[in-house]
Amino acid sequence: MLAEVDQKTKALQAEFERPKLEPERIYERAEELADARKKLLKSRCHSIIKIHEILTQDQLRELVSMVNK
């Protein structure tokens, strides 16, 4: 999903590099990027929820500690 966000970001940037800007194409690419980011965020939230369901509180604290290093 991160690759999709990167791809959509590049597609939007490419629109701004065109000699003649086409607002409709730009808005379309921006919407596609927003959708890809939304999917990525939802996936990350889902993963965090699943981790919370599996790990104990002590394991969660240890995980947070490791991530914050």
PDB file of N, CA and C in Angstrom:
ATOM      1  N   MET A   1       0.809  -1.195   0.000  1.00  0.00           N
ATOM      2  CA  MET A   1       0.000   0.000   0.000  1.00  0.00           C
ATOM      3  C   MET A   1       0.854   1.261   0.000  1.00  0.00           C
ATOM      4  N   LEU A   2       1.998   1.175   0.651  1.00  0.00           N
ATOM      5  CA  LEU A   2       2.904   2.326   0.645  1.00  0.00           C
ATOM      6  C   LEU A   2       3.400   2.599  -0.768  1.00  0.00           C
ATOM      7  N   ALA A   3       3.616   1.525  -1.531  1.00  0.00           N
ATOM      8  CA  ALA A   3       4.040   1.683  -2.922  1.00  0.00           C
ATOM      9  C   ALA A   3       2.963   2.405  -3.729  1.00  0.00           C
ATOM     10  N   GLU A   4       1.711   2.108  -3.428  1.00  0.00           N
ATOM     11  CA  GLU A   4       0.607   2.778  -4.128  1.00  0.00           C
ATOM     12  C   GLU A   4       0.586   4.269  -3.796  1.00  0.00           C
ATOM     13  N   VAL A   5       0.822   4.610  -2.535  1.00  0.00           N
ATOM     14  CA  VAL A   5       0.874   6.020  -2.144  1.00  0.00           C
ATOM     15  C   VAL A   5       2.020   6.711  -2.878  1.00  0.00           C
ATOM     16  N   ASP A   6       3.160   6.062  -2.932  1.00  0.00           N
ATOM     17  CA  ASP A   6       4.303   6.636  -3.655  1.00  0.00           C
ATOM     18  C   ASP A   6       3.977   6.846  -5.132  1.00  0.00           C
ATOM     19  N   GLN A   7       3.342   5.854  -5.729  1.00  0.00           N
ATOM     20  CA  GLN A   7       2.977   5.942  -7.145  1.00  0.00           C
ATOM     21  C   GLN A   7       2.005   7.099  -7.384  1.00  0.00           C
ATOM     22  N   LYS A   8       1.008   7.218  -6.535  1.00  0.00           N
ATOM     23  CA  LYS A   8       0.012   8.279  -6.693  1.00  0.00           C
ATOM     24  C   LYS A   8       0.632   9.655  -6.445  1.00  0.00           C
ATOM     25  N   THR A   9       1.588   9.717  -5.526  1.00  0.00           N
ATOM     26  CA  THR A   9       2.293  10.978  -5.276  1.00  0.00           C
ATOM     27  C   THR A   9       3.070  11.410  -6.511  1.00  0.00           C
ATOM     28  N   LYS A  10       3.765  10.458  -7.118  1.00  0.00           N
ATOM     29  CA  LYS A  10       4.533  10.757  -8.332  1.00  0.00           C
ATOM     30  C   LYS A  10       3.624  11.173  -9.484  1.00  0.00           C
ATOM     31  N   ALA A  11       2.464  10.535  -9.580  1.00  0.00           N
ATOM     32  CA  ALA A  11       1.521  10.880 -10.647  1.00  0.00           C
ATOM     33  C   ALA A  11       1.015  12.310 -10.471  1.00  0.00           C
ATOM     34  N   LEU A  12       0.753  12.696  -9.237  1.00  0.00           N
ATOM     35  CA  LEU A  12       0.313  14.070  -8.979  1.00  0.00           C
ATOM     36  C   LEU A  12       1.438  15.057  -9.278  1.00  0.00           C
ATOM     37  N   GLN A  13       2.634  14.744  -8.833  1.00  0.00           N
ATOM     38  CA  GLN A  13       3.778  15.624  -9.111  1.00  0.00           C
ATOM     39  C   GLN A  13       3.993  15.781 -10.610  1.00  0.00           C
ATOM     40  N   ALA A  14       3.815  14.706 -11.360  1.00  0.00           N
ATOM     41  CA  ALA A  14       3.987  14.758 -12.814  1.00  0.00           C
ATOM     42  C   ALA A  14       2.986  15.711 -13.458  1.00  0.00           C
ATOM     43  N   GLU A  15       1.795  15.773 -12.915  1.00  0.00           N
ATOM     44  CA  GLU A  15       0.790  16.700 -13.453  1.00  0.00           C
ATOM     45  C   GLU A  15       1.258  18.149 -13.329  1.00  0.00           C
ATOM     46  N   PHE A  16       1.948  18.455 -12.248  1.00  0.00           N
ATOM     47  CA  PHE A  16       2.432  19.821 -12.043  1.00  0.00           C
ATOM     48  C   PHE A  16       3.634  20.147 -12.920  1.00  0.00           C
ATOM     49  N   GLU A  17       4.241  19.126 -13.486  1.00  0.00           N
ATOM     50  CA  GLU A  17       5.403  19.338 -14.358  1.00  0.00           C
ATOM     51  C   GLU A  17       5.011  19.467 -15.829  1.00  0.00           C
ATOM     52  N   ARG A  18       3.752  19.262 -16.134  1.00  0.00           N
ATOM     53  CA  ARG A  18       3.293  19.387 -17.515  1.00  0.00           C
ATOM     54  C   ARG A  18       3.349  20.858 -17.943  1.00  0.00           C
ATOM     55  N   PRO A  19       3.617  21.107 -19.208  1.00  0.00           N
ATOM     56  CA  PRO A  19       3.695  22.487 -19.699  1.00  0.00           C
ATOM     57  C   PRO A  19       2.384  23.261 -19.498  1.00  0.00           C
ATOM     58  N   LYS A  20       1.287  22.569 -19.714  1.00  0.00           N
ATOM     59  CA  LYS A  20      -0.021  23.214 -19.530  1.00  0.00           C
ATOM     60  C   LYS A  20      -0.772  22.444 -18.445  1.00  0.00           C
ATOM     61  N   LEU A  21      -1.068  23.136 -17.357  1.00  0.00           N
ATOM     62  CA  LEU A  21      -1.766  22.472 -16.261  1.00  0.00           C
ATOM     63  C   LEU A  21      -3.230  22.254 -16.608  1.00  0.00           C
ATOM     64  N   GLU A  22      -3.712  21.073 -16.268  1.00  0.00           N
ATOM     65  CA  GLU A  22      -5.119  20.740 -16.466  1.00  0.00           C
ATOM     66  C   GLU A  22      -5.730  20.468 -15.096  1.00  0.00           C
ATOM     67  N   PRO A  23      -6.442  21.466 -14.552  1.00  0.00           N
ATOM     68  CA  PRO A  23      -6.975  21.345 -13.187  1.00  0.00           C
ATOM     69  C   PRO A  23      -7.758  20.053 -12.928  1.00  0.00           C
ATOM     70  N   GLU A  24      -8.568  19.629 -13.885  1.00  0.00           N
ATOM     71  CA  GLU A  24      -9.353  18.410 -13.667  1.00  0.00           C
ATOM     72  C   GLU A  24      -8.453  17.193 -13.463  1.00  0.00           C
ATOM     73  N   ARG A  25      -7.389  17.087 -14.246  1.00  0.00           N
ATOM     74  CA  ARG A  25      -6.435  15.973 -14.089  1.00  0.00           C
ATOM     75  C   ARG A  25      -5.733  16.064 -12.738  1.00  0.00           C
ATOM     76  N   ILE A  26      -5.383  17.273 -12.345  1.00  0.00           N
ATOM     77  CA  ILE A  26      -4.703  17.473 -11.056  1.00  0.00           C
ATOM     78  C   ILE A  26      -5.623  17.055  -9.914  1.00  0.00           C
ATOM     79  N   TYR A  27      -6.869  17.514  -9.957  1.00  0.00           N
ATOM     80  CA  TYR A  27      -7.810  17.154  -8.893  1.00  0.00           C
ATOM     81  C   TYR A  27      -8.081  15.652  -8.863  1.00  0.00           C
ATOM     82  N   GLU A  28      -8.124  15.041 -10.036  1.00  0.00           N
ATOM     83  CA  GLU A  28      -8.328  13.600 -10.112  1.00  0.00           C
ATOM     84  C   GLU A  28      -7.153  12.860  -9.477  1.00  0.00           C
ATOM     85  N   ARG A  29      -5.937  13.268  -9.796  1.00  0.00           N
ATOM     86  CA  ARG A  29      -4.754  12.637  -9.206  1.00  0.00           C
ATOM     87  C   ARG A  29      -4.699  12.881  -7.692  1.00  0.00           C
ATOM     88  N   ALA A  30      -5.088  14.080  -7.274  1.00  0.00           N
ATOM     89  CA  ALA A  30      -5.107  14.396  -5.841  1.00  0.00           C
ATOM     90  C   ALA A  30      -6.108  13.498  -5.110  1.00  0.00           C
ATOM     91  N   GLU A  31      -7.254  13.272  -5.725  1.00  0.00           N
ATOM     92  CA  GLU A  31      -8.271  12.396  -5.133  1.00  0.00           C
ATOM     93  C   GLU A  31      -7.765  10.959  -5.050  1.00  0.00           C
ATOM     94  N   GLU A  32      -7.076  10.518  -6.082  1.00  0.00           N
ATOM     95  CA  GLU A  32      -6.508   9.170  -6.072  1.00  0.00           C
ATOM     96  C   GLU A  32      -5.466   9.025  -4.964  1.00  0.00           C
ATOM     97  N   LEU A  33      -4.657  10.047  -4.785  1.00  0.00           N
ATOM     98  CA  LEU A  33      -3.654  10.022  -3.717  1.00  0.00           C
ATOM     99  C   LEU A  33      -4.332  10.002  -2.346  1.00  0.00           C
ATOM    100  N   ALA A  34      -5.358  10.807  -2.186  1.00  0.00           N
ATOM    101  CA  ALA A  34      -6.086  10.829  -0.911  1.00  0.00           C
ATOM    102  C   ALA A  34      -6.693   9.463  -0.607  1.00  0.00           C
ATOM    103  N   ASP A  35      -7.244   8.815  -1.622  1.00  0.00           N
ATOM    104  CA  ASP A  35      -7.826   7.482  -1.434  1.00  0.00           C
ATOM    105  C   ASP A  35      -6.759   6.460  -1.032  1.00  0.00           C
ATOM    106  N   ALA A  36      -5.601   6.534  -1.679  1.00  0.00           N
ATOM    107  CA  ALA A  36      -4.512   5.604  -1.355  1.00  0.00           C
ATOM    108  C   ALA A  36      -4.016   5.833   0.074  1.00  0.00           C
ATOM    109  N   ARG A  37      -3.904   7.087   0.472  1.00  0.00           N
ATOM    110  CA  ARG A  37      -3.481   7.393   1.848  1.00  0.00           C
ATOM    111  C   ARG A  37      -4.511   6.906   2.858  1.00  0.00           C
ATOM    112  N   LYS A  38      -5.773   7.062   2.517  1.00  0.00           N
ATOM    113  CA  LYS A  38      -6.842   6.609   3.409  1.00  0.00           C
ATOM    114  C   LYS A  38      -6.770   5.091   3.595  1.00  0.00           C
ATOM    115  N   LYS A  39      -6.567   4.349   2.503  1.00  0.00           N
ATOM    116  CA  LYS A  39      -6.441   2.893   2.593  1.00  0.00           C
ATOM    117  C   LYS A  39      -5.244   2.498   3.452  1.00  0.00           C
ATOM    118  N   LEU A  40      -4.128   3.203   3.285  1.00  0.00           N
ATOM    119  CA  LEU A  40      -2.935   2.906   4.065  1.00  0.00           C
ATOM    120  C   LEU A  40      -3.184   3.154   5.547  1.00  0.00           C
ATOM    121  N   LEU A  41      -3.817   4.275   5.875  1.00  0.00           N
ATOM    122  CA  LEU A  41      -4.102   4.609   7.268  1.00  0.00           C
ATOM    123  C   LEU A  41      -5.036   3.571   7.892  1.00  0.00           C
ATOM    124  N   LYS A  42      -6.069   3.178   7.153  1.00  0.00           N
ATOM    125  CA  LYS A  42      -6.991   2.176   7.675  1.00  0.00           C
ATOM    126  C   LYS A  42      -6.281   0.845   7.909  1.00  0.00           C
ATOM    127  N   SER A  43      -5.380   0.485   7.022  1.00  0.00           N
ATOM    128  CA  SER A  43      -4.630  -0.752   7.175  1.00  0.00           C
ATOM    129  C   SER A  43      -3.739  -0.695   8.418  1.00  0.00           C
ATOM    130  N   ARG A  44      -3.099   0.434   8.614  1.00  0.00           N
ATOM    131  CA  ARG A  44      -2.246   0.588   9.801  1.00  0.00           C
ATOM    132  C   ARG A  44      -3.073   0.521  11.080  1.00  0.00           C
ATOM    133  N   CYS A  45      -4.232   1.167  11.076  1.00  0.00           N
ATOM    134  CA  CYS A  45      -5.105   1.119  12.250  1.00  0.00           C
ATOM    135  C   CYS A  45      -5.554  -0.310  12.531  1.00  0.00           C
ATOM    136  N   HIS A  46      -5.913  -1.032  11.491  1.00  0.00           N
ATOM    137  CA  HIS A  46      -6.330  -2.423  11.636  1.00  0.00           C
ATOM    138  C   HIS A  46      -5.212  -3.253  12.273  1.00  0.00           C
ATOM    139  N   SER A  47      -3.999  -3.030  11.800  1.00  0.00           N
ATOM    140  CA  SER A  47      -2.850  -3.775  12.344  1.00  0.00           C
ATOM    141  C   SER A  47      -2.641  -3.467  13.819  1.00  0.00           C
ATOM    142  N   ILE A  48      -2.756  -2.206  14.190  1.00  0.00           N
ATOM    143  CA  ILE A  48      -2.567  -1.821  15.596  1.00  0.00           C
ATOM    144  C   ILE A  48      -3.656  -2.435  16.466  1.00  0.00           C
ATOM    145  N   ILE A  49      -4.878  -2.426  15.984  1.00  0.00           N
ATOM    146  CA  ILE A  49      -5.977  -3.037  16.740  1.00  0.00           C
ATOM    147  C   ILE A  49      -5.705  -4.527  16.947  1.00  0.00           C
ATOM    148  N   LYS A  50      -5.271  -5.216  15.903  1.00  0.00           N
ATOM    149  CA  LYS A  50      -4.979  -6.647  16.012  1.00  0.00           C
ATOM    150  C   LYS A  50      -3.838  -6.905  17.004  1.00  0.00           C
ATOM    151  N   ILE A  51      -2.820  -6.057  16.964  1.00  0.00           N
ATOM    152  CA  ILE A  51      -1.704  -6.201  17.902  1.00  0.00           C
ATOM    153  C   ILE A  51      -2.202  -6.055  19.338  1.00  0.00           C
ATOM    154  N   HIS A  52      -3.068  -5.083  19.572  1.00  0.00           N
ATOM    155  CA  HIS A  52      -3.630  -4.876  20.914  1.00  0.00           C
ATOM    156  C   HIS A  52      -4.457  -6.068  21.368  1.00  0.00           C
ATOM    157  N   GLU A  53      -5.096  -6.743  20.438  1.00  0.00           N
ATOM    158  CA  GLU A  53      -5.911  -7.913  20.797  1.00  0.00           C
ATOM    159  C   GLU A  53      -5.047  -9.109  21.178  1.00  0.00           C
ATOM    160  N   ILE A  54      -3.830  -9.154  20.650  1.00  0.00           N
ATOM    161  CA  ILE A  54      -2.976 -10.327  20.835  1.00  0.00           C
ATOM    162  C   ILE A  54      -2.014 -10.170  22.015  1.00  0.00           C
ATOM    163  N   LEU A  55      -1.392  -9.003  22.142  1.00  0.00           N
ATOM    164  CA  LEU A  55      -0.352  -8.817  23.151  1.00  0.00           C
ATOM    165  C   LEU A  55      -0.932  -8.460  24.518  1.00  0.00           C
ATOM    166  N   THR A  56      -0.186  -8.829  25.546  1.00  0.00           N
ATOM    167  CA  THR A  56      -0.547  -8.414  26.902  1.00  0.00           C
ATOM    168  C   THR A  56      -0.112  -6.962  27.095  1.00  0.00           C
ATOM    169  N   GLN A  57      -0.552  -6.356  28.194  1.00  0.00           N
ATOM    170  CA  GLN A  57      -0.169  -4.967  28.472  1.00  0.00           C
ATOM    171  C   GLN A  57       1.351  -4.821  28.602  1.00  0.00           C
ATOM    172  N   ASP A  58       1.991  -5.779  29.252  1.00  0.00           N
ATOM    173  CA  ASP A  58       3.449  -5.733  29.381  1.00  0.00           C
ATOM    174  C   ASP A  58       4.130  -5.833  28.020  1.00  0.00           C
ATOM    175  N   GLN A  59       3.623  -6.708  27.175  1.00  0.00           N
ATOM    176  CA  GLN A  59       4.185  -6.842  25.831  1.00  0.00           C
ATOM    177  C   GLN A  59       3.975  -5.571  25.015  1.00  0.00           C
ATOM    178  N   LEU A  60       2.821  -4.951  25.175  1.00  0.00           N
ATOM    179  CA  LEU A  60       2.550  -3.691  24.472  1.00  0.00           C
ATOM    180  C   LEU A  60       3.517  -2.597  24.914  1.00  0.00           C
ATOM    181  N   ARG A  61       3.737  -2.505  26.230  1.00  0.00           N
ATOM    182  CA  ARG A  61       4.686  -1.503  26.743  1.00  0.00           C
ATOM    183  C   ARG A  61       6.079  -1.739  26.171  1.00  0.00           C
ATOM    184  N   GLU A  62       6.501  -2.998  26.124  1.00  0.00           N
ATOM    185  CA  GLU A  62       7.811  -3.336  25.574  1.00  0.00           C
ATOM    186  C   GLU A  62       7.885  -2.979  24.086  1.00  0.00           C
ATOM    187  N   LEU A  63       6.835  -3.273  23.368  1.00  0.00           N
ATOM    188  CA  LEU A  63       6.789  -2.936  21.937  1.00  0.00           C
ATOM    189  C   LEU A  63       6.886  -1.425  21.723  1.00  0.00           C
ATOM    190  N   VAL A  64       6.124  -0.676  22.477  1.00  0.00           N
ATOM    191  CA  VAL A  64       6.168   0.792  22.374  1.00  0.00           C
ATOM    192  C   VAL A  64       7.556   1.300  22.711  1.00  0.00           C
ATOM    193  N   SER A  65       8.155   0.730  23.726  1.00  0.00           N
ATOM    194  CA  SER A  65       9.503   1.122  24.118  1.00  0.00           C
ATOM    195  C   SER A  65      10.494   0.853  22.990  1.00  0.00           C
ATOM    196  N   MET A  66      10.369  -0.295  22.343  1.00  0.00           N
ATOM    197  CA  MET A  66      11.282  -0.644  21.242  1.00  0.00           C
ATOM    198  C   MET A  66      11.076   0.293  20.035  1.00  0.00           C
ATOM    199  N   VAL A  67       9.825   0.609  19.754  1.00  0.00           N
ATOM    200  CA  VAL A  67       9.511   1.474  18.610  1.00  0.00           C
ATOM    201  C   VAL A  67      10.025   2.889  18.843  1.00  0.00           C
ATOM    202  N   ASN A  68       9.956   3.343  20.066  1.00  0.00           N
ATOM    203  CA  ASN A  68      10.361   4.726  20.388  1.00  0.00           C
ATOM    204  C   ASN A  68      11.855   4.924  20.482  1.00  0.00           C
ATOM    205  N   LYS A  69      12.631   3.848  20.404  1.00  0.00           N
ATOM    206  CA  LYS A  69      14.109   3.978  20.482  1.00  0.00           C
ATOM    207  C   LYS A  69      14.669   4.543  19.220  1.00  0.00           C
TER     208      LYS A  69
END
